[in-house]
């Protein structure tokens, strides 16, 4: 039986196959953050001479890319990317996701918005029927932490400050357990509109375009309905 690490590698390798198809001297690849994205970055090194460069969704990923000699570009200098590759903490059959376990969801959403396709890479354990077992990360401007926490409690959530963590944007994360997520797009819009919230970790608008889920039987490919 394959280990979770081996499954993550399988998903990363499937994403690298897509990069092989789209690579070119003018092509920029969007790169996410997390343990599965790390494996993708490691494999991306062999394409560094076939790409213009990459855009990273976190300082962590940017450092890993640069250490491998892969050019890292400022998103302001990039008009489009064929793909953005990233993992997920949870993904449902509609390819809605919860992300932000690494605290990078804001930059992940920004980079993904410039890409033609969002490719989610994950092992099969991340596929769920309904989002919400994984606490929802919410990035908050520090002065609004208590006010936003009260609003999230009013929604039925149990927000907990992520101790000792500051985002790349200089903000804090509230991890919110206990939310009853029956309408993920509506909840994403509602939380994102709370004063002081930078963005929450729900990715539903539009979510992923393709999910490459590693299973014991190989890659299971899901596409947005």
C-alpha atoms as a PDB file:
ATOM      1  CA  UNK A   1       0.000   0.000   0.000  1.00  0.00           C
ATOM      2  CA  UNK A   2       1.280   3.448  -0.920  1.00  0.00           C
ATOM      3  CA  UNK A   3       2.015   5.854   1.911  1.00  0.00           C
ATOM      4  CA  UNK A   4       0.474   9.321   2.031  1.00  0.00           C
ATOM      5  CA  UNK A   5       3.834  10.770   0.987  1.00  0.00           C
ATOM      6  CA  UNK A   6       3.940   8.460  -2.022  1.00  0.00           C
ATOM      7  CA  UNK A   7       0.387   9.477  -2.933  1.00  0.00           C
ATOM      8  CA  UNK A   8       1.347  13.148  -2.733  1.00  0.00           C
ATOM      9  CA  UNK A   9       4.299  12.441  -5.025  1.00  0.00           C
ATOM     10  CA  UNK A  10       1.966  10.690  -7.452  1.00  0.00           C
ATOM     11  CA  UNK A  11      -0.278  13.781  -7.583  1.00  0.00           C
ATOM     12  CA  UNK A  12       2.698  16.101  -8.028  1.00  0.00           C
ATOM     13  CA  UNK A  13       4.026  13.953 -10.877  1.00  0.00           C
ATOM     14  CA  UNK A  14       0.631  14.102 -12.625  1.00  0.00           C
ATOM     15  CA  UNK A  15       0.751  17.902 -12.450  1.00  0.00           C
ATOM     16  CA  UNK A  16       4.276  17.891 -13.885  1.00  0.00           C
ATOM     17  CA  UNK A  17       2.931  15.959 -16.859  1.00  0.00           C
ATOM     18  CA  UNK A  18       0.606  18.916 -17.514  1.00  0.00           C
ATOM     19  CA  UNK A  19       3.525  21.339 -17.259  1.00  0.00           C
ATOM     20  CA  UNK A  20       5.344  19.225 -19.847  1.00  0.00           C
ATOM     21  CA  UNK A  21       2.405  19.808 -22.212  1.00  0.00           C
ATOM     22  CA  UNK A  22       2.242  23.597 -21.778  1.00  0.00           C
ATOM     23  CA  UNK A  23       5.922  24.502 -21.244  1.00  0.00           C
ATOM     24  CA  UNK A  24       7.494  27.107 -23.515  1.00  0.00           C
ATOM     25  CA  UNK A  25       9.937  30.023 -23.441  1.00  0.00           C
ATOM     26  CA  UNK A  26       7.176  32.556 -22.753  1.00  0.00           C
ATOM     27  CA  UNK A  27       5.199  30.392 -20.294  1.00  0.00           C
ATOM     28  CA  UNK A  28       4.830  31.263 -16.612  1.00  0.00           C
ATOM     29  CA  UNK A  29       3.533  28.671 -14.140  1.00  0.00           C
ATOM     30  CA  UNK A  30       1.642  29.583 -10.969  1.00  0.00           C
ATOM     31  CA  UNK A  31       2.865  27.641  -7.943  1.00  0.00           C
ATOM     32  CA  UNK A  32       1.027  27.057  -4.662  1.00  0.00           C
ATOM     33  CA  UNK A  33       2.055  26.365  -1.108  1.00  0.00           C
ATOM     34  CA  UNK A  34       2.112  23.253   1.065  1.00  0.00           C
ATOM     35  CA  UNK A  35       3.596  19.793   1.324  1.00  0.00           C
ATOM     36  CA  UNK A  36       2.228  18.531  -2.003  1.00  0.00           C
ATOM     37  CA  UNK A  37       3.185  21.786  -3.725  1.00  0.00           C
ATOM     38  CA  UNK A  38       6.719  21.320  -2.344  1.00  0.00           C
ATOM     39  CA  UNK A  39       6.980  18.016  -4.198  1.00  0.00           C
ATOM     40  CA  UNK A  40       5.698  19.691  -7.355  1.00  0.00           C
ATOM     41  CA  UNK A  41       8.318  22.438  -6.981  1.00  0.00           C
ATOM     42  CA  UNK A  42      11.090  19.878  -6.612  1.00  0.00           C
ATOM     43  CA  UNK A  43      10.031  18.190  -9.835  1.00  0.00           C
ATOM     44  CA  UNK A  44       9.600  21.514 -11.635  1.00  0.00           C
ATOM     45  CA  UNK A  45      13.369  22.030 -11.520  1.00  0.00           C
ATOM     46  CA  UNK A  46      13.806  19.918 -14.638  1.00  0.00           C
ATOM     47  CA  UNK A  47      11.646  22.394 -16.603  1.00  0.00           C
ATOM     48  CA  UNK A  48      13.490  25.555 -15.541  1.00  0.00           C
ATOM     49  CA  UNK A  49      15.163  25.961 -18.925  1.00  0.00           C
ATOM     50  CA  UNK A  50      11.857  25.485 -20.742  1.00  0.00           C
ATOM     51  CA  UNK A  51       9.886  28.183 -18.904  1.00  0.00           C
ATOM     52  CA  UNK A  52       9.998  31.942 -18.611  1.00  0.00           C
ATOM     53  CA  UNK A  53       9.495  31.470 -14.890  1.00  0.00           C
ATOM     54  CA  UNK A  54       7.005  31.042 -12.067  1.00  0.00           C
ATOM     55  CA  UNK A  55       4.828  33.081  -9.738  1.00  0.00           C
ATOM     56  CA  UNK A  56       4.753  31.842  -6.139  1.00  0.00           C
ATOM     57  CA  UNK A  57       1.841  32.152  -3.720  1.00  0.00           C
ATOM     58  CA  UNK A  58       4.065  32.456  -0.640  1.00  0.00           C
ATOM     59  CA  UNK A  59       7.513  33.490   0.477  1.00  0.00           C
ATOM     60  CA  UNK A  60       8.123  29.858   1.417  1.00  0.00           C
ATOM     61  CA  UNK A  61       7.435  28.590  -2.095  1.00  0.00           C
ATOM     62  CA  UNK A  62       9.382  31.469  -3.652  1.00  0.00           C
ATOM     63  CA  UNK A  63      12.434  30.541  -1.585  1.00  0.00           C
ATOM     64  CA  UNK A  64      12.170  26.870  -2.549  1.00  0.00           C
ATOM     65  CA  UNK A  65      11.840  27.748  -6.244  1.00  0.00           C
ATOM     66  CA  UNK A  66      14.780  30.142  -6.138  1.00  0.00           C
ATOM     67  CA  UNK A  67      16.966  27.597  -4.342  1.00  0.00           C
ATOM     68  CA  UNK A  68      16.418  25.230  -7.265  1.00  0.00           C
ATOM     69  CA  UNK A  69      17.360  27.904  -9.795  1.00  0.00           C
ATOM     70  CA  UNK A  70      13.784  28.375 -11.032  1.00  0.00           C
ATOM     71  CA  UNK A  71      13.029  32.036 -11.886  1.00  0.00           C
ATOM     72  CA  UNK A  72      10.398  33.652  -9.634  1.00  0.00           C
ATOM     73  CA  UNK A  73       8.530  36.602 -11.141  1.00  0.00           C
ATOM     74  CA  UNK A  74       6.426  39.376  -9.643  1.00  0.00           C
ATOM     75  CA  UNK A  75       2.757  38.809 -10.497  1.00  0.00           C
ATOM     76  CA  UNK A  76       2.526  42.455 -11.575  1.00  0.00           C
ATOM     77  CA  UNK A  77       4.834  41.578 -14.463  1.00  0.00           C
ATOM     78  CA  UNK A  78       2.708  38.639 -15.623  1.00  0.00           C
ATOM     79  CA  UNK A  79      -0.481  38.982 -17.670  1.00  0.00           C
ATOM     80  CA  UNK A  80      -1.516  35.350 -17.823  1.00  0.00           C
ATOM     81  CA  UNK A  81      -0.501  31.821 -16.894  1.00  0.00           C
ATOM     82  CA  UNK A  82      -1.827  28.601 -18.427  1.00  0.00           C
ATOM     83  CA  UNK A  83      -2.023  26.821 -15.056  1.00  0.00           C
ATOM     84  CA  UNK A  84      -1.840  27.374 -11.323  1.00  0.00           C
ATOM     85  CA  UNK A  85      -0.872  24.223  -9.401  1.00  0.00           C
ATOM     86  CA  UNK A  86      -1.727  23.902  -5.713  1.00  0.00           C
ATOM     87  CA  UNK A  87      -2.999  21.491  -3.085  1.00  0.00           C
ATOM     88  CA  UNK A  88      -6.046  21.628  -0.820  1.00  0.00           C
ATOM     89  CA  UNK A  89      -6.945  20.800   2.756  1.00  0.00           C
ATOM     90  CA  UNK A  90     -10.385  19.622   1.592  1.00  0.00           C
ATOM     91  CA  UNK A  91     -12.048  19.362  -1.806  1.00  0.00           C
ATOM     92  CA  UNK A  92     -15.607  18.307  -2.634  1.00  0.00           C
ATOM     93  CA  UNK A  93     -17.092  16.774  -5.817  1.00  0.00           C
ATOM     94  CA  UNK A  94     -17.946  20.271  -7.126  1.00  0.00           C
ATOM     95  CA  UNK A  95     -14.226  21.123  -6.792  1.00  0.00           C
ATOM     96  CA  UNK A  96     -14.915  23.642  -4.062  1.00  0.00           C
ATOM     97  CA  UNK A  97     -12.029  23.682  -1.603  1.00  0.00           C
ATOM     98  CA  UNK A  98     -10.872  24.679   1.837  1.00  0.00           C
ATOM     99  CA  UNK A  99      -7.298  25.959   1.743  1.00  0.00           C
ATOM    100  CA  UNK A 100      -5.075  27.912   4.075  1.00  0.00           C
ATOM    101  CA  UNK A 101      -3.611  25.277   6.354  1.00  0.00           C
ATOM    102  CA  UNK A 102      -0.311  26.945   5.521  1.00  0.00           C
ATOM    103  CA  UNK A 103      -1.786  30.414   5.946  1.00  0.00           C
ATOM    104  CA  UNK A 104      -1.258  31.471   2.306  1.00  0.00           C
ATOM    105  CA  UNK A 105      -4.845  31.512   1.034  1.00  0.00           C
ATOM    106  CA  UNK A 106      -4.913  35.213   0.137  1.00  0.00           C
ATOM    107  CA  UNK A 107      -1.922  35.069  -2.180  1.00  0.00           C
ATOM    108  CA  UNK A 108      -3.095  31.692  -3.465  1.00  0.00           C
ATOM    109  CA  UNK A 109      -6.409  33.232  -4.546  1.00  0.00           C
ATOM    110  CA  UNK A 110      -4.656  36.174  -6.171  1.00  0.00           C
ATOM    111  CA  UNK A 111      -2.196  34.068  -8.172  1.00  0.00           C
ATOM    112  CA  UNK A 112      -4.891  31.560  -9.145  1.00  0.00           C
ATOM    113  CA  UNK A 113      -7.097  34.379 -10.467  1.00  0.00           C
ATOM    114  CA  UNK A 114      -4.557  35.130 -13.204  1.00  0.00           C
ATOM    115  CA  UNK A 115      -4.267  31.518 -14.406  1.00  0.00           C
ATOM    116  CA  UNK A 116      -6.381  29.961 -17.137  1.00  0.00           C
ATOM    117  CA  UNK A 117      -6.834  26.786 -15.074  1.00  0.00           C
ATOM    118  CA  UNK A 118      -6.527  25.922 -11.395  1.00  0.00           C
ATOM    119  CA  UNK A 119      -5.161  22.390 -11.058  1.00  0.00           C
ATOM    120  CA  UNK A 120      -5.643  20.965  -7.564  1.00  0.00           C
ATOM    121  CA  UNK A 121      -3.248  18.180  -6.577  1.00  0.00           C
ATOM    122  CA  UNK A 122      -4.025  16.091  -3.511  1.00  0.00           C
ATOM    123  CA  UNK A 123      -4.234  12.583  -2.157  1.00  0.00           C
ATOM    124  CA  UNK A 124      -7.626  10.893  -1.999  1.00  0.00           C
ATOM    125  CA  UNK A 125      -8.056  11.569   1.726  1.00  0.00           C
ATOM    126  CA  UNK A 126      -8.760  15.249   0.916  1.00  0.00           C
ATOM    127  CA  UNK A 127     -11.934  14.431  -1.044  1.00  0.00           C
ATOM    128  CA  UNK A 128     -15.058  14.989   1.101  1.00  0.00           C
ATOM    129  CA  UNK A 129     -18.781  15.097   0.462  1.00  0.00           C
ATOM    130  CA  UNK A 130     -19.195  18.338   2.431  1.00  0.00           C
ATOM    131  CA  UNK A 131     -16.571  20.883   3.378  1.00  0.00           C
ATOM    132  CA  UNK A 132     -15.987  21.831   6.988  1.00  0.00           C
ATOM    133  CA  UNK A 133     -14.363  19.021   8.940  1.00  0.00           C
ATOM    134  CA  UNK A 134     -11.097  20.907   8.419  1.00  0.00           C
ATOM    135  CA  UNK A 135     -11.289  24.217  10.333  1.00  0.00           C
ATOM    136  CA  UNK A 136     -11.747  27.157   7.969  1.00  0.00           C
ATOM    137  CA  UNK A 137      -8.756  29.544   7.972  1.00  0.00           C
ATOM    138  CA  UNK A 138      -9.683  33.230   7.867  1.00  0.00           C
ATOM    139  CA  UNK A 139      -6.988  35.869   7.373  1.00  0.00           C
ATOM    140  CA  UNK A 140      -7.759  38.949   9.454  1.00  0.00           C
ATOM    141  CA  UNK A 141      -6.198  42.385   9.911  1.00  0.00           C
ATOM    142  CA  UNK A 142      -4.865  42.293  13.504  1.00  0.00           C
ATOM    143  CA  UNK A 143      -6.957  45.178  14.879  1.00  0.00           C
ATOM    144  CA  UNK A 144     -10.125  43.387  13.721  1.00  0.00           C
ATOM    145  CA  UNK A 145      -9.321  40.004  15.276  1.00  0.00           C
ATOM    146  CA  UNK A 146     -11.821  40.157  18.163  1.00  0.00           C
ATOM    147  CA  UNK A 147     -14.567  41.828  16.125  1.00  0.00           C
ATOM    148  CA  UNK A 148     -14.306  39.250  13.342  1.00  0.00           C
ATOM    149  CA  UNK A 149     -14.175  36.408  15.865  1.00  0.00           C
ATOM    150  CA  UNK A 150     -17.518  37.540  17.310  1.00  0.00           C
ATOM    151  CA  UNK A 151     -19.065  37.590  13.822  1.00  0.00           C
ATOM    152  CA  UNK A 152     -17.775  34.092  13.127  1.00  0.00           C
ATOM    153  CA  UNK A 153     -19.178  32.876  16.444  1.00  0.00           C
ATOM    154  CA  UNK A 154     -22.544  34.302  15.413  1.00  0.00           C
ATOM    155  CA  UNK A 155     -22.358  32.072  12.338  1.00  0.00           C
ATOM    156  CA  UNK A 156     -21.962  29.025  14.594  1.00  0.00           C
ATOM    157  CA  UNK A 157     -18.197  28.776  14.304  1.00  0.00           C
ATOM    158  CA  UNK A 158     -15.558  28.381  16.966  1.00  0.00           C
ATOM    159  CA  UNK A 159     -12.673  30.659  15.937  1.00  0.00           C
ATOM    160  CA  UNK A 160      -9.223  30.088  17.414  1.00  0.00           C
ATOM    161  CA  UNK A 161      -6.272  32.391  16.834  1.00  0.00           C
ATOM    162  CA  UNK A 162      -3.417  30.523  15.143  1.00  0.00           C
ATOM    163  CA  UNK A 163      -0.767  31.023  17.802  1.00  0.00           C
ATOM    164  CA  UNK A 164       2.586  32.492  16.851  1.00  0.00           C
ATOM    165  CA  UNK A 165       1.679  32.816  13.171  1.00  0.00           C
ATOM    166  CA  UNK A 166       1.798  35.891  10.960  1.00  0.00           C
ATOM    167  CA  UNK A 167       0.931  35.709   7.264  1.00  0.00           C
ATOM    168  CA  UNK A 168       3.209  36.963   4.495  1.00  0.00           C
ATOM    169  CA  UNK A 169       0.863  39.979   4.422  1.00  0.00           C
ATOM    170  CA  UNK A 170       1.441  40.797   8.098  1.00  0.00           C
ATOM    171  CA  UNK A 171      -1.937  39.540   9.304  1.00  0.00           C
ATOM    172  CA  UNK A 172      -3.260  36.840  11.646  1.00  0.00           C
ATOM    173  CA  UNK A 173      -5.263  33.665  11.000  1.00  0.00           C
ATOM    174  CA  UNK A 174      -8.430  32.585  12.771  1.00  0.00           C
ATOM    175  CA  UNK A 175      -9.074  28.851  12.328  1.00  0.00           C
ATOM    176  CA  UNK A 176     -12.825  28.319  12.534  1.00  0.00           C
ATOM    177  CA  UNK A 177     -14.206  24.900  13.492  1.00  0.00           C
ATOM    178  CA  UNK A 178     -17.838  23.880  13.697  1.00  0.00           C
ATOM    179  CA  UNK A 179     -19.233  25.728  10.692  1.00  0.00           C
ATOM    180  CA  UNK A 180     -22.195  24.092   8.973  1.00  0.00           C
ATOM    181  CA  UNK A 181     -21.185  24.634   5.357  1.00  0.00           C
ATOM    182  CA  UNK A 182     -24.310  23.875   3.352  1.00  0.00           C
ATOM    183  CA  UNK A 183     -23.798  26.666   0.789  1.00  0.00           C
ATOM    184  CA  UNK A 184     -20.065  27.175   0.436  1.00  0.00           C
ATOM    185  CA  UNK A 185     -20.181  29.971  -2.209  1.00  0.00           C
ATOM    186  CA  UNK A 186     -22.622  32.028  -0.127  1.00  0.00           C
ATOM    187  CA  UNK A 187     -20.573  31.522   3.034  1.00  0.00           C
ATOM    188  CA  UNK A 188     -17.383  32.502   1.230  1.00  0.00           C
ATOM    189  CA  UNK A 189     -18.952  35.755   0.068  1.00  0.00           C
ATOM    190  CA  UNK A 190     -20.403  36.491   3.503  1.00  0.00           C
ATOM    191  CA  UNK A 191     -17.150  35.955   5.406  1.00  0.00           C
ATOM    192  CA  UNK A 192     -15.059  37.811   2.848  1.00  0.00           C
ATOM    193  CA  UNK A 193     -17.372  40.821   3.267  1.00  0.00           C
ATOM    194  CA  UNK A 194     -16.880  41.044   7.045  1.00  0.00           C
ATOM    195  CA  UNK A 195     -14.925  44.228   7.855  1.00  0.00           C
ATOM    196  CA  UNK A 196     -11.368  43.278   8.737  1.00  0.00           C
ATOM    197  CA  UNK A 197     -11.328  39.995   6.836  1.00  0.00           C
ATOM    198  CA  UNK A 198      -8.717  39.839   4.093  1.00  0.00           C
ATOM    199  CA  UNK A 199      -9.974  36.539   2.729  1.00  0.00           C
ATOM    200  CA  UNK A 200     -11.205  33.195   3.985  1.00  0.00           C
ATOM    201  CA  UNK A 201      -9.969  29.779   2.939  1.00  0.00           C
ATOM    202  CA  UNK A 202     -13.065  28.799   0.968  1.00  0.00           C
ATOM    203  CA  UNK A 203     -12.239  28.528  -2.742  1.00  0.00           C
ATOM    204  CA  UNK A 204     -15.573  28.220  -4.539  1.00  0.00           C
ATOM    205  CA  UNK A 205     -15.659  31.111  -6.990  1.00  0.00           C
ATOM    206  CA  UNK A 206     -14.770  29.417  -9.168  1.00  0.00           C
ATOM    207  CA  UNK A 207     -12.825  26.747  -7.248  1.00  0.00           C
ATOM    208  CA  UNK A 208     -10.563  24.306  -9.050  1.00  0.00           C
ATOM    209  CA  UNK A 209     -10.971  23.492 -12.724  1.00  0.00           C
ATOM    210  CA  UNK A 210      -9.336  20.068 -12.443  1.00  0.00           C
ATOM    211  CA  UNK A 211      -8.443  17.884  -9.464  1.00  0.00           C
ATOM    212  CA  UNK A 212      -5.733  15.262  -9.734  1.00  0.00           C
ATOM    213  CA  UNK A 213      -6.376  12.944  -6.797  1.00  0.00           C
ATOM    214  CA  UNK A 214      -3.823  10.269  -6.039  1.00  0.00           C
ATOM    215  CA  UNK A 215      -5.349   6.917  -5.055  1.00  0.00           C
ATOM    216  CA  UNK A 216      -4.044   3.423  -4.436  1.00  0.00           C
ATOM    217  CA  UNK A 217      -5.215   2.610  -7.979  1.00  0.00           C
ATOM    218  CA  UNK A 218      -3.595   5.634  -9.643  1.00  0.00           C
ATOM    219  CA  UNK A 219      -4.658   9.189 -10.455  1.00  0.00           C
ATOM    220  CA  UNK A 220      -8.353   9.994 -10.322  1.00  0.00           C
ATOM    221  CA  UNK A 221      -9.116  13.076 -12.416  1.00  0.00           C
ATOM    222  CA  UNK A 222     -12.134  15.242 -11.596  1.00  0.00           C
ATOM    223  CA  UNK A 223     -13.311  18.232 -13.611  1.00  0.00           C
ATOM    224  CA  UNK A 224     -15.586  21.026 -12.538  1.00  0.00           C
ATOM    225  CA  UNK A 225     -19.226  20.147 -13.350  1.00  0.00           C
END
